[in-house]
């Protein structure tokens, strides 16, 4: 009887262990931040969108500075060729409603929109950016770089 209980406990532990591994693999997918995909009739491009309100806190300004600064410095040639764009949008200003709705913006937000072979992908980097802007800004730069490099 004691051996049967040990066997059942062992089986239970191994079955729980394997389900945890599956969940870990799911969260490590490249598409963790994918918000939407669509087919479009546009040329290949990478666009960095930073949405902000008229009044911005220190963290909002920091996310803007890291994302914009990194892109402008490291992709200057691609920007001049029209392959990469950095777009800052005040969501409080009239006239920006269409983009605010498309990206489903409700607060300061960072997105990377890519078009490759007529396939549009929108990546929402907002939560990751605000979590890392103070201590690990390199994570923001790496995420932006990863998406831009898919297009170039």
C-alpha atoms as a PDB file:
ATOM      1  CA  UNK A   1       0.000   0.000   0.000  1.00  0.00           C
ATOM      2  CA  UNK A   2       2.828   2.401   0.898  1.00  0.00           C
ATOM      3  CA  UNK A   3       4.474   1.754  -2.492  1.00  0.00           C
ATOM      4  CA  UNK A   4       1.203   2.520  -4.285  1.00  0.00           C
ATOM      5  CA  UNK A   5       0.905   5.882  -2.519  1.00  0.00           C
ATOM      6  CA  UNK A   6       4.518   6.751  -3.391  1.00  0.00           C
ATOM      7  CA  UNK A   7       3.859   5.786  -7.020  1.00  0.00           C
ATOM      8  CA  UNK A   8       0.720   7.954  -7.194  1.00  0.00           C
ATOM      9  CA  UNK A   9       2.477  10.945  -5.638  1.00  0.00           C
ATOM     10  CA  UNK A  10       5.377  10.554  -8.087  1.00  0.00           C
ATOM     11  CA  UNK A  11       3.025  10.396 -11.074  1.00  0.00           C
ATOM     12  CA  UNK A  12       1.181  13.463  -9.815  1.00  0.00           C
ATOM     13  CA  UNK A  13       4.406  15.440  -9.380  1.00  0.00           C
ATOM     14  CA  UNK A  14       5.662  14.565 -12.867  1.00  0.00           C
ATOM     15  CA  UNK A  15       2.340  15.442 -14.484  1.00  0.00           C
ATOM     16  CA  UNK A  16       2.313  18.854 -12.737  1.00  0.00           C
ATOM     17  CA  UNK A  17       5.915  19.421 -13.727  1.00  0.00           C
ATOM     18  CA  UNK A  18       5.251  18.849 -17.429  1.00  0.00           C
ATOM     19  CA  UNK A  19       2.293  21.260 -17.516  1.00  0.00           C
ATOM     20  CA  UNK A  20       4.487  23.991 -15.999  1.00  0.00           C
ATOM     21  CA  UNK A  21       7.063  23.509 -18.743  1.00  0.00           C
ATOM     22  CA  UNK A  22       4.404  24.000 -21.416  1.00  0.00           C
ATOM     23  CA  UNK A  23       3.290  27.279 -19.822  1.00  0.00           C
ATOM     24  CA  UNK A  24       6.860  28.574 -19.611  1.00  0.00           C
ATOM     25  CA  UNK A  25       7.443  27.828 -23.288  1.00  0.00           C
ATOM     26  CA  UNK A  26       4.253  29.681 -24.226  1.00  0.00           C
ATOM     27  CA  UNK A  27       5.357  32.862 -22.465  1.00  0.00           C
ATOM     28  CA  UNK A  28       8.748  32.847 -24.178  1.00  0.00           C
ATOM     29  CA  UNK A  29       7.324  33.096 -27.674  1.00  0.00           C
ATOM     30  CA  UNK A  30       8.511  35.956 -29.865  1.00  0.00           C
ATOM     31  CA  UNK A  31       4.908  37.127 -30.226  1.00  0.00           C
ATOM     32  CA  UNK A  32       4.362  37.940 -26.522  1.00  0.00           C
ATOM     33  CA  UNK A  33       3.543  41.531 -27.444  1.00  0.00           C
ATOM     34  CA  UNK A  34       1.604  40.931 -30.666  1.00  0.00           C
ATOM     35  CA  UNK A  35      -1.615  42.933 -30.544  1.00  0.00           C
ATOM     36  CA  UNK A  36      -2.960  42.463 -34.071  1.00  0.00           C
ATOM     37  CA  UNK A  37      -2.177  41.262 -37.568  1.00  0.00           C
ATOM     38  CA  UNK A  38      -3.706  42.121 -40.927  1.00  0.00           C
ATOM     39  CA  UNK A  39      -3.102  42.079 -44.654  1.00  0.00           C
ATOM     40  CA  UNK A  40      -2.378  45.512 -46.096  1.00  0.00           C
ATOM     41  CA  UNK A  41      -1.407  47.041 -49.422  1.00  0.00           C
ATOM     42  CA  UNK A  42       1.628  48.966 -48.194  1.00  0.00           C
ATOM     43  CA  UNK A  43       5.378  48.781 -48.727  1.00  0.00           C
ATOM     44  CA  UNK A  44       7.635  47.266 -46.068  1.00  0.00           C
ATOM     45  CA  UNK A  45       8.107  49.651 -43.135  1.00  0.00           C
ATOM     46  CA  UNK A  46       8.671  49.768 -39.378  1.00  0.00           C
ATOM     47  CA  UNK A  47       6.950  52.507 -37.398  1.00  0.00           C
ATOM     48  CA  UNK A  48       7.567  53.297 -33.749  1.00  0.00           C
ATOM     49  CA  UNK A  49       4.476  54.921 -32.230  1.00  0.00           C
ATOM     50  CA  UNK A  50       4.597  56.644 -28.884  1.00  0.00           C
ATOM     51  CA  UNK A  51       1.203  57.892 -27.685  1.00  0.00           C
ATOM     52  CA  UNK A  52       1.146  60.381 -24.825  1.00  0.00           C
ATOM     53  CA  UNK A  53      -1.148  62.872 -23.147  1.00  0.00           C
ATOM     54  CA  UNK A  54      -0.575  66.600 -23.052  1.00  0.00           C
ATOM     55  CA  UNK A  55       0.755  66.328 -19.490  1.00  0.00           C
ATOM     56  CA  UNK A  56       3.446  63.650 -19.109  1.00  0.00           C
ATOM     57  CA  UNK A  57       5.005  62.140 -15.998  1.00  0.00           C
ATOM     58  CA  UNK A  58       8.723  61.343 -15.643  1.00  0.00           C
ATOM     59  CA  UNK A  59       8.254  57.711 -16.703  1.00  0.00           C
ATOM     60  CA  UNK A  60       6.306  58.751 -19.801  1.00  0.00           C
ATOM     61  CA  UNK A  61       9.071  61.140 -20.810  1.00  0.00           C
ATOM     62  CA  UNK A  62      11.685  58.441 -20.152  1.00  0.00           C
ATOM     63  CA  UNK A  63       9.951  55.840 -22.355  1.00  0.00           C
ATOM     64  CA  UNK A  64       9.670  58.443 -25.093  1.00  0.00           C
ATOM     65  CA  UNK A  65      13.333  59.401 -24.781  1.00  0.00           C
ATOM     66  CA  UNK A  66      14.605  55.792 -24.810  1.00  0.00           C
ATOM     67  CA  UNK A  67      12.468  54.640 -27.742  1.00  0.00           C
ATOM     68  CA  UNK A  68      12.848  57.759 -29.880  1.00  0.00           C
ATOM     69  CA  UNK A  69      16.522  58.285 -29.081  1.00  0.00           C
ATOM     70  CA  UNK A  70      17.488  54.682 -29.806  1.00  0.00           C
ATOM     71  CA  UNK A  71      15.631  54.593 -33.103  1.00  0.00           C
ATOM     72  CA  UNK A  72      16.836  57.963 -34.383  1.00  0.00           C
ATOM     73  CA  UNK A  73      20.487  57.195 -33.589  1.00  0.00           C
ATOM     74  CA  UNK A  74      20.621  53.577 -34.759  1.00  0.00           C
ATOM     75  CA  UNK A  75      18.360  53.714 -37.814  1.00  0.00           C
ATOM     76  CA  UNK A  76      19.207  57.110 -39.273  1.00  0.00           C
ATOM     77  CA  UNK A  77      19.810  55.720 -42.798  1.00  0.00           C
ATOM     78  CA  UNK A  78      16.629  53.647 -42.745  1.00  0.00           C
ATOM     79  CA  UNK A  79      14.662  56.690 -41.573  1.00  0.00           C
ATOM     80  CA  UNK A  80      16.079  58.771 -44.430  1.00  0.00           C
ATOM     81  CA  UNK A  81      15.054  56.018 -46.892  1.00  0.00           C
ATOM     82  CA  UNK A  82      11.520  55.923 -45.453  1.00  0.00           C
ATOM     83  CA  UNK A  83      11.872  52.357 -44.130  1.00  0.00           C
ATOM     84  CA  UNK A  84      11.574  53.383 -40.466  1.00  0.00           C
ATOM     85  CA  UNK A  85       9.466  56.127 -38.880  1.00  0.00           C
ATOM     86  CA  UNK A  86       9.244  57.478 -35.355  1.00  0.00           C
ATOM     87  CA  UNK A  87       5.807  58.923 -34.664  1.00  0.00           C
ATOM     88  CA  UNK A  88       4.877  60.780 -31.475  1.00  0.00           C
ATOM     89  CA  UNK A  89       1.160  61.348 -30.980  1.00  0.00           C
ATOM     90  CA  UNK A  90      -0.602  63.399 -28.314  1.00  0.00           C
ATOM     91  CA  UNK A  91      -3.807  61.430 -27.855  1.00  0.00           C
ATOM     92  CA  UNK A  92      -5.457  64.444 -26.184  1.00  0.00           C
ATOM     93  CA  UNK A  93      -5.237  66.519 -29.374  1.00  0.00           C
ATOM     94  CA  UNK A  94      -8.163  66.572 -31.828  1.00  0.00           C
ATOM     95  CA  UNK A  95      -7.463  64.786 -35.094  1.00  0.00           C
ATOM     96  CA  UNK A  96      -5.717  61.763 -33.561  1.00  0.00           C
ATOM     97  CA  UNK A  97      -8.882  59.792 -32.803  1.00  0.00           C
ATOM     98  CA  UNK A  98      -8.469  57.358 -35.707  1.00  0.00           C
ATOM     99  CA  UNK A  99      -4.988  56.234 -34.613  1.00  0.00           C
ATOM    100  CA  UNK A 100      -6.017  56.144 -30.953  1.00  0.00           C
ATOM    101  CA  UNK A 101      -8.866  53.809 -31.895  1.00  0.00           C
ATOM    102  CA  UNK A 102      -6.748  51.649 -34.227  1.00  0.00           C
ATOM    103  CA  UNK A 103      -4.125  51.067 -31.532  1.00  0.00           C
ATOM    104  CA  UNK A 104      -6.741  50.931 -28.735  1.00  0.00           C
ATOM    105  CA  UNK A 105      -4.857  53.549 -26.726  1.00  0.00           C
ATOM    106  CA  UNK A 106      -6.168  54.470 -23.281  1.00  0.00           C
ATOM    107  CA  UNK A 107      -2.951  55.842 -21.739  1.00  0.00           C
ATOM    108  CA  UNK A 108       0.657  56.583 -22.651  1.00  0.00           C
ATOM    109  CA  UNK A 109       1.668  53.691 -24.894  1.00  0.00           C
ATOM    110  CA  UNK A 110       4.527  52.364 -27.021  1.00  0.00           C
ATOM    111  CA  UNK A 111       3.879  50.329 -30.173  1.00  0.00           C
ATOM    112  CA  UNK A 112       5.901  49.004 -33.062  1.00  0.00           C
ATOM    113  CA  UNK A 113       3.947  48.582 -36.279  1.00  0.00           C
ATOM    114  CA  UNK A 114       5.639  46.586 -39.018  1.00  0.00           C
ATOM    115  CA  UNK A 115       4.640  45.805 -42.577  1.00  0.00           C
ATOM    116  CA  UNK A 116       6.563  43.021 -44.279  1.00  0.00           C
ATOM    117  CA  UNK A 117       5.412  41.432 -47.539  1.00  0.00           C
ATOM    118  CA  UNK A 118       1.989  43.115 -47.191  1.00  0.00           C
ATOM    119  CA  UNK A 119       1.519  41.646 -43.688  1.00  0.00           C
ATOM    120  CA  UNK A 120       0.922  44.174 -40.899  1.00  0.00           C
ATOM    121  CA  UNK A 121       1.784  43.367 -37.277  1.00  0.00           C
ATOM    122  CA  UNK A 122       1.286  45.671 -34.320  1.00  0.00           C
ATOM    123  CA  UNK A 123       3.322  44.986 -31.200  1.00  0.00           C
ATOM    124  CA  UNK A 124       2.283  46.585 -27.908  1.00  0.00           C
ATOM    125  CA  UNK A 125       5.439  47.197 -25.887  1.00  0.00           C
ATOM    126  CA  UNK A 126       3.757  49.473 -23.347  1.00  0.00           C
ATOM    127  CA  UNK A 127       3.795  47.334 -20.215  1.00  0.00           C
ATOM    128  CA  UNK A 128       7.290  46.004 -20.862  1.00  0.00           C
ATOM    129  CA  UNK A 129       8.592  49.524 -21.537  1.00  0.00           C
ATOM    130  CA  UNK A 130       7.179  51.072 -18.372  1.00  0.00           C
ATOM    131  CA  UNK A 131       8.385  48.165 -16.236  1.00  0.00           C
ATOM    132  CA  UNK A 132      11.933  48.445 -17.578  1.00  0.00           C
ATOM    133  CA  UNK A 133      12.519  52.113 -18.394  1.00  0.00           C
ATOM    134  CA  UNK A 134      14.290  52.965 -15.143  1.00  0.00           C
ATOM    135  CA  UNK A 135      16.431  49.898 -14.464  1.00  0.00           C
ATOM    136  CA  UNK A 136      16.631  48.029 -17.785  1.00  0.00           C
ATOM    137  CA  UNK A 137      16.119  50.416 -20.732  1.00  0.00           C
ATOM    138  CA  UNK A 138      18.190  48.040 -22.877  1.00  0.00           C
ATOM    139  CA  UNK A 139      15.172  45.691 -22.914  1.00  0.00           C
ATOM    140  CA  UNK A 140      13.131  48.390 -24.635  1.00  0.00           C
ATOM    141  CA  UNK A 141      15.887  49.032 -27.160  1.00  0.00           C
ATOM    142  CA  UNK A 142      16.262  45.298 -27.849  1.00  0.00           C
ATOM    143  CA  UNK A 143      12.519  44.824 -28.397  1.00  0.00           C
ATOM    144  CA  UNK A 144      12.386  47.749 -30.825  1.00  0.00           C
ATOM    145  CA  UNK A 145      15.499  46.515 -32.624  1.00  0.00           C
ATOM    146  CA  UNK A 146      14.066  42.998 -32.958  1.00  0.00           C
ATOM    147  CA  UNK A 147      10.933  44.280 -34.704  1.00  0.00           C
ATOM    148  CA  UNK A 148      12.724  46.798 -36.950  1.00  0.00           C
ATOM    149  CA  UNK A 149      15.249  44.196 -38.093  1.00  0.00           C
ATOM    150  CA  UNK A 150      12.401  41.967 -39.338  1.00  0.00           C
ATOM    151  CA  UNK A 151      11.604  44.614 -41.946  1.00  0.00           C
ATOM    152  CA  UNK A 152      15.077  45.709 -43.025  1.00  0.00           C
END
